[in-house]
Amino acid sequence: MSDQNFKVTIDNITVEVPAGTTILNAARQIGGDVTPPAMCYYSKLEGSGGKCRTCLVEVSKGSEKDPRPMPKLVASCRTTVMDGMEVKSITSERVKDARKGVVEMLLINHPLDCPVCDQAGECHLQDLSYEHGTAGTRYEFDRRTFEKEDIGDDIQLHMTRCILCYRCVFTAEQLTGKREHGVLDRGDHAEISTLIGKHLDNEFIGNVIDVCPVGALTDRTFRFKQRVWFTKPVDAHRDCPTCSGKVRLWFRGEEVFRVTARKDKWGEVEEWICNDCRFHKKQASDWVIEGPSKVSRHSVISQNHYRGAVEAQPELVNEIIGKSPKLLFDIHSVSDVNRPEVDLSKIEGPAHKDDFLPNQKLEGQRKLEVGRK
């Protein structure tokens, strides 16, 4: 890659990046809503990208030397920037319409498994459909269905949920060096499989679960045991002879329900971990706890986990949104629902009837009926 830097403008925001940088990675330097979504691109996997088309953008100016716009929308994960290039992402109606179409296509065969899927709450397809999709579908035909398949001792494949992003294939090819699965057939018959029923047996094969953006590859040691938003993510490490040993533990109370690799703000693995750490170290005593994981407050996983951080810096929140947020309002001091000495957000487990004040209206009716009798 050349040492030369290029200036590119994305949604009226200019950033300077090295030559050879893709539009997607340039947008990630800006961050926020400007960054196109990506379901198949993975920065740590060579050859990834260009499959899902969710990162389409409009290039309204090719470069300073050739200012002509590109006639079609381009995949930002595969298109490199040019000096003086101008790109439209969320400011383009063409892009918004195209992303709705892509989401509709991805959901054509994707089942409505969210109520029972272990990926719910951290599914990139859920986020994509919520942010860029439509409320309904025009598809009236039968969806593709596949039988569930155990492709490893601790990995189950739900091909019905797969969107063919190829991430798991690239991970097995490049990380383990021993790939037993791949994409079979073509077109609407294409599917992920091991062809002759081989098991994925490799020390690092569990990482295919972390790279999967949907619930197609699931951890059999975690399936149906807990909803992710009920757990508390904690960073931890151990002296592992096989991998870095830096993981994220998912606690519910004192119990470790699952172990995953740590992920960055783009949902990509920071450091790969081995199967022993992932599947077999489910005791808190196996780990050195570092502290709570940093989770985006927009994530469902952050539910009830970021209140303290906001309360610690109320002046910062006030500066950002221009007023004191209702999150900091102590509703318990003025509420006519709960007992004054009970803070509903701090009690252990679900609220009980004893935590609430009696309904004054109902109490009045009861006294009136007693008086009539």
Protein backbone atom coordinates (compact mmCIF):
# COMPACT_ATOMS: atom_id res chain seq x y z
CA MET A 1 0.00 0.00 0.00
CA SER A 2 1.27 3.47 -0.90
CA ASP A 3 2.21 6.04 1.76
CA GLN A 4 0.04 8.57 -0.05
CA ASN A 5 -3.12 9.78 1.69
CA PHE A 6 -6.44 10.51 0.00
CA LYS A 7 -9.23 12.80 1.11
CA VAL A 8 -12.72 11.35 0.78
CA THR A 9 -16.01 12.97 1.74
CA ILE A 10 -18.78 10.71 3.05
CA ASP A 11 -22.16 12.30 3.79
CA ASN A 12 -20.51 15.75 3.82
CA ILE A 13 -17.86 14.64 6.32
CA THR A 14 -14.27 14.66 5.04
CA VAL A 15 -11.68 12.21 6.29
CA GLU A 16 -8.10 11.53 5.20
CA VAL A 17 -7.14 7.88 4.75
CA PRO A 18 -4.22 5.95 3.21
CA ALA A 19 -4.45 5.01 -0.45
CA GLY A 20 -6.01 1.57 -0.89
CA THR A 21 -8.51 2.04 1.95
CA THR A 22 -12.03 0.89 1.13
CA ILE A 23 -14.99 3.23 1.41
CA LEU A 24 -16.36 1.09 4.25
CA ASN A 25 -13.21 1.37 6.35
CA ALA A 26 -13.01 5.10 5.63
CA ALA A 27 -16.60 5.43 6.88
CA ARG A 28 -15.69 3.43 9.98
CA GLN A 29 -13.09 6.04 10.82
CA ILE A 30 -15.91 8.59 10.87
CA GLY A 31 -18.25 6.23 12.75
CA GLY A 32 -21.88 6.64 13.67
CA ASP A 33 -24.75 6.29 11.21
CA VAL A 34 -22.46 7.23 8.33
CA THR A 35 -20.91 3.75 8.47
CA PRO A 36 -22.67 1.34 6.08
CA PRO A 37 -23.89 -1.95 7.58
CA ALA A 38 -21.91 -5.08 6.74
CA MET A 39 -23.11 -8.67 7.04
CA CYS A 40 -20.41 -10.54 5.13
CA TYR A 41 -17.31 -8.30 5.35
CA TYR A 42 -14.88 -9.14 8.15
CA SER A 43 -11.66 -7.13 8.39
CA LYS A 44 -9.70 -10.09 9.81
CA LEU A 45 -10.73 -12.51 7.04
CA GLU A 46 -9.01 -12.20 3.68
CA GLY A 47 -11.40 -12.34 0.74
CA SER A 48 -14.51 -11.53 2.76
CA GLY A 49 -17.00 -8.98 1.49
CA GLY A 50 -18.96 -8.49 -1.69
CA LYS A 51 -21.54 -11.18 -0.89
CA CYS A 52 -24.44 -9.59 0.98
CA ARG A 53 -24.64 -6.14 -0.73
CA THR A 54 -25.86 -4.46 2.45
CA CYS A 55 -23.01 -1.91 2.34
CA LEU A 56 -24.05 -0.34 -0.97
CA VAL A 57 -23.28 3.39 -1.30
CA GLU A 58 -23.60 6.04 -3.98
CA VAL A 59 -20.42 7.63 -5.36
CA SER A 60 -21.51 11.08 -6.52
CA LYS A 61 -17.96 12.14 -7.47
CA GLY A 62 -15.30 9.69 -8.56
CA SER A 63 -12.23 11.82 -7.79
CA GLU A 64 -10.67 15.21 -8.37
CA LYS A 65 -9.19 14.04 -11.68
CA ASP A 66 -12.41 12.36 -12.83
CA PRO A 67 -15.40 13.97 -11.09
CA ARG A 68 -17.98 11.89 -12.94
CA PRO A 69 -20.32 9.95 -10.62
CA MET A 70 -20.44 6.18 -10.74
CA PRO A 71 -23.62 5.16 -12.56
CA LYS A 72 -24.51 2.32 -10.18
CA LEU A 73 -24.39 1.84 -6.44
CA VAL A 74 -21.17 0.15 -5.35
CA ALA A 75 -20.24 -2.22 -2.53
CA SER A 76 -18.29 -0.05 -0.10
CA CYS A 77 -16.41 -3.05 1.31
CA ARG A 78 -14.81 -3.75 -2.09
CA THR A 79 -14.43 -0.23 -3.53
CA THR A 80 -11.27 1.71 -2.67
CA VAL A 81 -11.29 5.47 -2.22
CA MET A 82 -9.80 7.98 -4.65
CA ASP A 83 -8.52 11.44 -3.83
CA GLY A 84 -11.43 13.88 -3.79
CA MET A 85 -14.09 11.16 -3.92
CA GLU A 86 -17.54 12.07 -2.61
CA VAL A 87 -19.82 9.36 -1.27
CA LYS A 88 -23.43 9.32 -0.12
CA SER A 89 -24.61 6.77 2.40
CA ILE A 90 -27.52 7.80 4.61
CA THR A 91 -28.00 11.02 2.61
CA SER A 92 -28.95 9.13 -0.56
CA GLU A 93 -32.52 8.00 -1.23
CA ARG A 94 -31.17 5.49 -3.77
CA VAL A 95 -29.05 3.89 -1.07
CA LYS A 96 -31.91 3.76 1.44
CA ASP A 97 -34.18 2.14 -1.11
CA ALA A 98 -31.48 -0.36 -2.13
CA ARG A 99 -30.83 -1.38 1.46
CA LYS A 100 -34.52 -2.01 2.00
CA GLY A 101 -34.44 -4.27 -1.04
CA VAL A 102 -31.38 -6.14 0.23
CA VAL A 103 -32.97 -6.66 3.64
CA GLU A 104 -36.12 -7.97 1.97
CA MET A 105 -34.04 -10.40 -0.07
CA LEU A 106 -32.13 -11.65 2.99
CA LEU A 107 -35.40 -12.21 4.84
CA ILE A 108 -37.05 -14.12 1.98
CA ASN A 109 -35.86 -17.45 3.32
CA HIS A 110 -34.94 -16.45 6.85
CA PRO A 111 -37.42 -17.92 9.34
CA LEU A 112 -39.11 -15.99 12.12
CA ASP A 113 -37.06 -17.77 14.76
CA CYS A 114 -36.26 -14.72 16.87
CA PRO A 115 -38.45 -15.83 19.82
CA VAL A 116 -36.50 -19.08 20.14
CA CYS A 117 -33.16 -18.26 18.48
CA ASP A 118 -30.10 -18.00 20.74
CA GLN A 119 -28.76 -15.17 18.57
CA ALA A 120 -31.69 -12.91 19.46
CA GLY A 121 -30.50 -9.70 21.08
CA GLU A 122 -27.11 -9.74 19.35
CA CYS A 123 -28.18 -10.64 15.81
CA HIS A 124 -26.85 -8.37 13.08
CA LEU A 125 -29.78 -9.27 10.84
CA GLN A 126 -32.19 -8.06 13.51
CA ASP A 127 -30.33 -4.75 13.66
CA LEU A 128 -30.22 -4.50 9.87
CA SER A 129 -33.94 -5.16 9.43
CA TYR A 130 -34.84 -2.72 12.19
CA GLU A 131 -32.63 0.10 10.87
CA HIS A 132 -32.93 -0.43 7.10
CA GLY A 133 -35.84 -2.79 6.45
CA THR A 134 -39.59 -2.47 5.97
CA ALA A 135 -42.45 -3.54 8.18
CA GLY A 136 -43.84 -6.17 5.80
CA THR A 137 -42.88 -8.58 3.05
CA ARG A 138 -44.20 -9.26 -0.44
CA TYR A 139 -42.97 -12.84 -0.48
CA GLU A 140 -45.81 -15.38 -0.67
CA PHE A 141 -44.01 -18.64 -1.51
CA ASP A 142 -42.72 -21.41 0.73
CA ARG A 143 -39.36 -20.70 2.31
CA ARG A 144 -36.34 -22.94 2.07
CA THR A 145 -36.05 -25.35 4.96
CA PHE A 146 -33.23 -27.64 6.07
CA GLU A 147 -32.83 -30.17 8.82
CA LYS A 148 -30.70 -29.13 11.79
CA GLU A 149 -27.24 -30.64 11.64
CA ASP A 150 -24.63 -31.22 14.33
CA ILE A 151 -21.43 -30.36 12.49
CA GLY A 152 -19.28 -30.62 15.60
CA ASP A 153 -19.41 -31.93 19.14
CA ASP A 154 -20.35 -28.45 20.35
CA ILE A 155 -21.64 -26.74 17.18
CA GLN A 156 -25.08 -27.01 15.60
CA LEU A 157 -25.93 -25.74 12.12
CA HIS A 158 -29.33 -24.23 11.32
CA MET A 159 -28.96 -23.86 7.57
CA THR A 160 -32.49 -22.45 7.35
CA ARG A 161 -31.21 -19.27 9.06
CA CYS A 162 -28.02 -18.96 7.00
CA ILE A 163 -27.59 -15.95 4.69
CA LEU A 164 -24.51 -17.39 2.93
CA CYS A 165 -22.09 -14.71 4.07
CA TYR A 166 -19.16 -17.20 3.81
CA ARG A 167 -17.59 -15.92 7.04
CA CYS A 168 -17.47 -19.37 8.65
CA VAL A 169 -15.88 -20.82 5.51
CA PHE A 170 -13.14 -18.17 5.47
CA THR A 171 -12.57 -18.64 9.21
CA ALA A 172 -12.08 -22.38 8.90
CA GLU A 173 -9.87 -21.94 5.83
CA GLN A 174 -7.62 -19.19 7.16
CA LEU A 175 -7.61 -19.73 10.92
CA THR A 176 -7.63 -23.49 11.35
CA GLY A 177 -5.97 -24.54 8.10
CA LYS A 178 -8.23 -27.57 8.10
CA ARG A 179 -11.56 -26.79 6.47
CA GLU A 180 -14.13 -29.57 6.43
CA HIS A 181 -17.17 -27.54 5.38
CA GLY A 182 -18.09 -25.18 2.58
CA VAL A 183 -20.85 -24.02 0.24
CA LEU A 184 -22.44 -26.83 -1.76
CA ASP A 185 -24.59 -26.45 -4.91
CA ARG A 186 -25.56 -23.14 -6.49
CA GLY A 187 -28.37 -20.60 -6.63
CA ASP A 188 -31.34 -21.27 -4.38
CA HIS A 189 -29.95 -24.76 -3.66
CA ALA A 190 -26.71 -23.42 -2.15
CA GLU A 191 -26.08 -24.50 1.43
CA ILE A 192 -23.34 -24.78 4.03
CA SER A 193 -22.47 -28.39 4.82
CA THR A 194 -19.66 -30.86 5.38
CA LEU A 195 -20.67 -32.94 2.32
CA ILE A 196 -20.19 -36.41 3.81
CA GLY A 197 -21.23 -35.68 7.38
CA LYS A 198 -17.77 -34.95 8.78
CA HIS A 199 -17.53 -33.20 12.12
CA LEU A 200 -15.71 -29.90 12.43
CA ASP A 201 -12.91 -31.04 14.68
CA ASN A 202 -10.26 -28.38 15.21
CA GLU A 203 -8.87 -26.54 18.22
CA PHE A 204 -10.10 -23.16 16.91
CA ILE A 205 -13.23 -24.18 15.02
CA GLY A 206 -15.51 -22.69 17.70
CA ASN A 207 -14.71 -19.26 16.27
CA VAL A 208 -17.15 -19.92 13.41
CA ILE A 209 -19.89 -19.29 15.99
CA ASP A 210 -18.55 -15.82 16.81
CA VAL A 211 -18.23 -14.72 13.17
CA CYS A 212 -21.74 -15.84 12.19
CA PRO A 213 -23.93 -12.71 11.96
CA VAL A 214 -27.16 -14.67 12.45
CA GLY A 215 -28.18 -17.76 14.43
CA ALA A 216 -27.08 -20.32 11.84
CA LEU A 217 -24.16 -21.61 13.92
CA THR A 218 -24.90 -21.98 17.62
CA ASP A 219 -23.06 -23.14 20.72
CA ARG A 220 -24.60 -26.44 21.86
CA THR A 221 -23.35 -25.86 25.41
CA PHE A 222 -25.40 -22.63 25.59
CA ARG A 223 -28.49 -23.40 23.49
CA PHE A 224 -31.82 -22.50 25.12
CA LYS A 225 -30.21 -21.95 28.52
CA GLN A 226 -30.49 -18.18 28.82
CA ARG A 227 -31.45 -15.01 26.99
CA VAL A 228 -28.44 -12.84 26.33
CA TRP A 229 -30.00 -9.69 27.80
CA PHE A 230 -30.45 -11.44 31.14
CA THR A 231 -26.72 -12.09 31.37
CA LYS A 232 -23.89 -9.82 32.40
CA PRO A 233 -20.79 -9.72 30.13
CA VAL A 234 -17.48 -9.62 31.96
CA ASP A 235 -13.96 -9.49 30.51
CA ALA A 236 -11.62 -12.16 31.85
CA HIS A 237 -8.42 -14.01 31.00
CA ARG A 238 -6.48 -17.15 31.86
CA ASP A 239 -3.05 -18.55 31.15
CA CYS A 240 -3.96 -20.67 28.13
CA PRO A 241 -1.21 -22.58 26.26
CA THR A 242 -3.23 -22.59 23.00
CA CYS A 243 -4.67 -19.08 22.60
CA SER A 244 -4.45 -15.62 24.14
CA GLY A 245 -6.90 -16.62 26.86
CA LYS A 246 -8.66 -13.23 26.65
CA VAL A 247 -12.40 -13.85 26.63
CA ARG A 248 -15.80 -12.51 27.57
CA LEU A 249 -17.74 -14.41 30.23
CA TRP A 250 -21.54 -14.20 30.30
CA PHE A 251 -22.77 -14.45 33.89
CA ARG A 252 -26.24 -14.91 35.33
CA GLY A 253 -25.80 -14.62 39.05
CA GLU A 254 -22.71 -16.65 39.96
CA GLU A 255 -22.98 -19.03 37.00
CA VAL A 256 -21.04 -18.71 33.73
CA PHE A 257 -23.47 -19.60 30.96
CA ARG A 258 -21.13 -19.16 28.01
CA VAL A 259 -17.68 -18.00 26.97
CA THR A 260 -17.03 -16.01 23.79
CA ALA A 261 -14.25 -14.02 22.21
CA ARG A 262 -14.17 -10.31 22.90
CA LYS A 263 -15.63 -8.20 20.10
CA ASP A 264 -15.05 -4.62 18.99
CA LYS A 265 -17.70 -2.02 18.23
CA TRP A 266 -18.16 -3.45 14.72
CA GLY A 267 -18.99 -6.86 16.11
CA GLU A 268 -15.69 -8.39 15.03
CA VAL A 269 -13.53 -10.68 17.16
CA GLU A 270 -10.56 -8.92 18.74
CA GLU A 271 -8.56 -12.11 19.40
CA TRP A 272 -9.41 -15.68 18.43
CA ILE A 273 -9.88 -18.16 21.28
CA CYS A 274 -9.54 -21.95 21.43
CA ASN A 275 -12.25 -24.55 21.98
CA ASP A 276 -11.00 -25.41 25.46
CA CYS A 277 -11.56 -21.85 26.68
CA ARG A 278 -14.88 -21.56 24.87
CA PHE A 279 -16.60 -24.83 25.68
CA HIS A 280 -14.89 -26.37 28.70
CA LYS A 281 -14.04 -23.53 31.08
CA LYS A 282 -17.43 -22.65 32.55
CA GLN A 283 -16.36 -22.02 36.14
CA ALA A 284 -15.61 -18.53 37.43
CA SER A 285 -12.64 -20.02 39.27
CA ASP A 286 -11.05 -20.87 35.91
CA TRP A 287 -10.64 -17.18 35.10
CA VAL A 288 -9.09 -13.94 36.32
CA ILE A 289 -11.92 -11.41 36.22
CA GLU A 290 -10.93 -8.01 34.79
CA GLY A 291 -14.25 -6.20 35.08
CA PRO A 292 -17.56 -5.55 33.25
CA SER A 293 -17.35 -5.47 29.45
CA LYS A 294 -17.93 -2.20 27.65
CA VAL A 295 -21.19 -2.60 25.76
CA SER A 296 -22.81 -0.03 23.48
CA ARG A 297 -25.73 1.55 25.27
CA HIS A 298 -27.82 1.01 22.13
CA SER A 299 -27.49 -2.75 22.53
CA VAL A 300 -30.17 -4.76 24.28
CA ILE A 301 -27.34 -6.38 26.22
CA SER A 302 -26.67 -3.05 27.94
CA GLN A 303 -30.11 -3.10 29.57
CA ASN A 304 -29.69 -1.83 33.13
CA HIS A 305 -25.89 -2.02 32.81
CA TYR A 306 -24.99 1.55 31.86
CA ARG A 307 -27.09 3.58 34.27
CA GLY A 308 -24.21 4.11 36.70
CA ALA A 309 -21.92 5.45 33.98
CA VAL A 310 -24.50 8.01 32.92
CA GLU A 311 -25.19 9.10 36.47
CA ALA A 312 -21.46 9.55 37.05
CA GLN A 313 -21.24 12.19 34.31
CA PRO A 314 -24.60 14.02 34.19
CA GLU A 315 -22.98 17.22 32.95
CA LEU A 316 -21.65 15.36 29.88
CA VAL A 317 -25.09 14.00 29.04
CA ASN A 318 -26.61 17.44 29.54
CA GLU A 319 -24.02 18.92 27.15
CA ILE A 320 -24.77 16.32 24.47
CA ILE A 321 -28.57 16.41 24.41
CA GLY A 322 -29.09 19.93 25.79
CA LYS A 323 -31.16 18.92 28.80
CA SER A 324 -31.11 16.62 31.79
CA PRO A 325 -32.25 13.15 30.67
CA LYS A 326 -35.21 11.47 32.31
CA LEU A 327 -32.90 8.56 33.07
CA LEU A 328 -31.51 10.61 35.95
CA PHE A 329 -34.94 11.47 37.32
CA ASP A 330 -35.58 9.64 40.61
CA ILE A 331 -39.09 8.41 39.87
CA HIS A 332 -39.15 6.34 43.05
CA SER A 333 -39.32 9.43 45.25
CA VAL A 334 -42.55 10.68 43.64
CA SER A 335 -44.15 7.44 42.45
CA ASP A 336 -47.54 6.42 43.84
CA VAL A 337 -46.97 2.84 42.71
CA ASN A 338 -44.10 1.34 44.67
CA ARG A 339 -43.46 1.62 48.39
CA PRO A 340 -41.14 4.60 49.10
CA GLU A 341 -38.43 2.44 50.68
CA VAL A 342 -38.33 0.05 47.68
CA ASP A 343 -36.25 0.87 44.59
CA LEU A 344 -37.70 -1.39 41.90
CA SER A 345 -34.55 -1.19 39.77
CA LYS A 346 -32.37 -2.60 42.55
CA ILE A 347 -34.41 -5.48 43.92
CA GLU A 348 -33.23 -9.04 43.32
CA GLY A 349 -35.38 -10.89 40.80
CA PRO A 350 -38.85 -9.84 39.61
CA ALA A 351 -41.00 -7.42 41.61
CA HIS A 352 -43.49 -8.92 44.06
CA LYS A 353 -46.89 -7.57 45.06
CA ASP A 354 -45.42 -6.68 48.47
CA ASP A 355 -43.08 -4.20 46.73
CA PHE A 356 -46.04 -2.06 45.59
CA LEU A 357 -48.46 0.16 47.41
CA PRO A 358 -52.06 -1.09 47.52
CA ASN A 359 -54.27 0.29 44.78
CA GLN A 360 -56.03 3.21 46.49
CA LYS A 361 -59.02 3.08 44.17
CA LEU A 362 -59.57 -0.61 44.74
CA GLU A 363 -59.11 -0.18 48.48
CA GLY A 364 -61.77 2.54 48.46
CA GLN A 365 -64.19 0.30 46.58
CA ARG A 366 -63.60 -2.54 49.01
CA LYS A 367 -64.28 -0.27 52.02
CA LEU A 368 -67.46 1.00 50.34
CA GLU A 369 -68.70 -2.56 49.71
CA VAL A 370 -67.91 -3.54 53.30
CA GLY A 371 -69.83 -0.51 54.55
CA ARG A 372 -72.91 -1.43 52.44
CA LYS A 373 -72.93 -4.96 53.83
